[in-house]
Protein backbone atom coordinates (compact mmCIF):
# COMPACT_ATOMS: atom_id res chain seq x y z
CA ILE A 1 249.22 107.00 21.52
CA ARG A 2 252.33 105.59 19.70
CA LYS A 3 255.05 107.96 19.13
CA SER A 4 255.23 107.09 15.63
CA ASN A 5 251.64 108.03 15.21
CA ILE A 6 252.41 111.30 17.17
CA SER A 7 255.37 112.23 15.00
CA SER A 8 252.75 111.86 11.68
CA ILE A 9 250.68 114.59 13.20
CA ALA A 10 253.89 116.93 13.83
CA ALA A 11 255.03 115.92 10.31
CA ASN A 12 253.00 118.80 8.82
CA GLU A 13 254.54 121.29 11.02
CA SER A 14 256.96 123.88 10.36
CA CYS A 15 260.10 124.55 12.24
CA LEU A 16 262.50 127.60 11.94
CA ILE A 17 266.05 126.36 12.24
CA GLU A 18 268.24 129.02 13.15
CA ALA A 19 272.32 129.26 12.77
CA PRO A 20 274.37 131.54 14.46
CA ASN A 21 276.17 132.98 11.66
CA ASP A 22 273.30 132.49 8.97
CA LYS A 23 269.78 132.91 7.90
CA ALA A 24 267.01 131.27 9.68
CA ILE A 25 265.41 128.52 7.25
CA LYS A 26 261.62 127.74 7.78
CA LEU A 27 260.97 124.16 6.82
CA TYR A 28 258.42 121.52 7.10
CA PHE A 29 259.14 118.15 9.13
CA ASN A 30 257.39 116.45 6.16
CA GLU A 31 259.97 118.07 3.45
CA ILE A 32 263.18 116.98 5.40
CA LEU A 33 264.61 113.68 3.91
CA TYR A 34 267.88 113.84 6.02
CA VAL A 35 270.43 116.13 7.42
CA GLU A 36 274.32 115.66 6.94
CA SER A 37 277.08 117.43 8.69
CA ASP A 38 279.75 118.63 6.45
CA GLU A 39 282.62 120.14 8.22
CA ASN A 40 281.15 123.66 9.16
CA TYR A 41 278.15 123.49 7.33
CA VAL A 42 275.13 121.28 7.47
CA ASP A 43 273.69 120.11 4.07
CA ILE A 44 269.27 119.87 4.61
CA HIS A 45 268.23 117.25 1.92
CA LEU A 46 264.64 118.37 0.94
CA LEU A 47 261.81 116.70 -1.12
CA LYS A 48 259.69 119.80 -2.08
CA ASN A 49 256.54 119.10 -4.32
CA GLY A 50 258.33 115.86 -5.73
CA GLU A 51 261.67 117.65 -6.06
CA ARG A 52 264.88 116.95 -4.36
CA LYS A 53 266.60 120.09 -2.99
CA LYS A 54 269.25 121.03 -0.53
CA GLU A 55 269.48 123.63 1.88
CA ILE A 56 273.14 124.59 3.28
CA ILE A 57 273.60 126.36 6.40
CA ARG A 58 276.52 127.27 8.42
CA SER A 59 276.03 125.38 11.87
CA SER A 60 276.96 122.50 13.68
CA LEU A 61 274.88 119.26 13.50
CA LYS A 62 274.26 119.34 17.02
CA ASN A 63 272.35 122.84 16.90
CA VAL A 64 270.22 121.62 14.24
CA GLU A 65 269.37 118.59 15.95
CA ASP A 66 268.42 120.36 19.12
CA GLN A 67 266.03 122.44 16.85
CA LEU A 68 264.80 119.18 15.29
CA VAL A 69 264.77 116.16 17.36
CA TYR A 70 262.19 116.33 20.27
CA ALA A 71 259.25 114.29 21.24
CA LEU A 72 256.76 114.63 18.39
CA SER A 73 259.51 115.12 15.61
CA PRO A 74 260.05 112.38 12.88
CA ILE A 75 263.53 113.20 13.13
CA TYR A 76 266.10 111.14 14.68
CA ARG A 77 270.00 110.71 14.79
CA CYS A 78 271.53 107.73 13.44
CA HIS A 79 275.17 108.83 13.15
CA ARG A 80 277.40 111.50 14.06
CA LYS A 81 277.02 112.75 10.70
CA TYR A 82 273.31 112.10 9.91
CA LEU A 83 269.88 112.83 11.24
CA ILE A 84 267.31 111.33 9.36
CA ASN A 85 263.11 111.57 8.87
CA PHE A 86 262.34 107.87 9.68
CA LYS A 87 259.61 108.16 7.16
CA TYR A 88 261.58 108.42 4.27
CA PHE A 89 263.93 105.44 5.06
CA GLU A 90 264.29 101.38 5.00
CA ILE A 91 266.47 99.26 6.05
CA VAL A 92 268.80 97.51 3.45
CA ASP A 93 271.57 95.77 5.51
CA SER A 94 271.39 94.63 9.23
CA SER A 95 273.20 93.02 12.05
CA SER A 96 273.30 93.72 15.85
CA ARG A 97 275.93 95.84 15.53
CA SER A 98 275.52 97.89 12.19
CA MET A 99 272.63 98.98 10.26
CA THR A 100 272.52 100.63 6.68
CA ILE A 101 269.44 102.44 5.63
CA GLN A 102 268.65 103.93 2.20
CA LEU A 103 266.19 106.26 1.08
CA ILE A 104 262.77 104.69 0.00
CA GLU A 105 262.75 106.13 -3.55
CA GLY A 106 266.31 106.93 -3.98
CA GLU A 107 270.05 105.42 -4.07
CA THR A 108 271.02 107.55 -0.97
CA THR A 109 272.25 105.01 1.79
CA ILE A 110 273.29 106.16 5.04
CA PRO A 111 275.34 104.08 7.72
CA VAL A 112 273.61 103.88 11.15
CA SER A 113 275.84 103.74 14.11
CA LYS A 114 275.99 100.96 16.60
CA GLN A 115 274.57 102.87 19.26
CA TYR A 116 271.57 103.88 17.44
CA VAL A 117 271.01 100.31 15.62
CA ALA A 118 268.27 99.35 18.13
CA GLN A 119 266.42 102.59 18.44
CA ILE A 120 266.33 103.14 14.07
CA GLY A 121 265.71 99.45 13.59
CA GLN A 122 262.70 99.79 15.85
CA LEU A 123 261.76 102.73 13.97
CA LEU A 124 261.64 101.26 10.86
CA ILE A 125 260.31 97.96 11.58
CA ASN A 126 257.23 99.47 13.26
CA ARG A 127 256.57 102.45 10.96
CA HIS A 128 253.78 100.91 9.13
């Protein structure tokens, strides 16, 4: 079984994101578009019932990453400031050293750091 197939099973699962000094938030993996670090806060960009929403928690991206990124999860780190749900992104520009990805149905573009280019490229190319 390929990891991308397994992660689509996990997509309907929920997770509880806990932050040291904030409320815990229950989310479904298939609602998470991407997660963005914003200094002492983390912005979790969601798609709920066709509507874009944003949850903000006081936490580090590393803390959120430790709770969201695991073998069955569709969430991957692609940059020091971003985690993405690879199901919602496509490659817009790519070379061996850099990549830019974009939400499939949106204007949001996100850079992919050099160290993640191969992994993210592979995921997005083999997704279908």
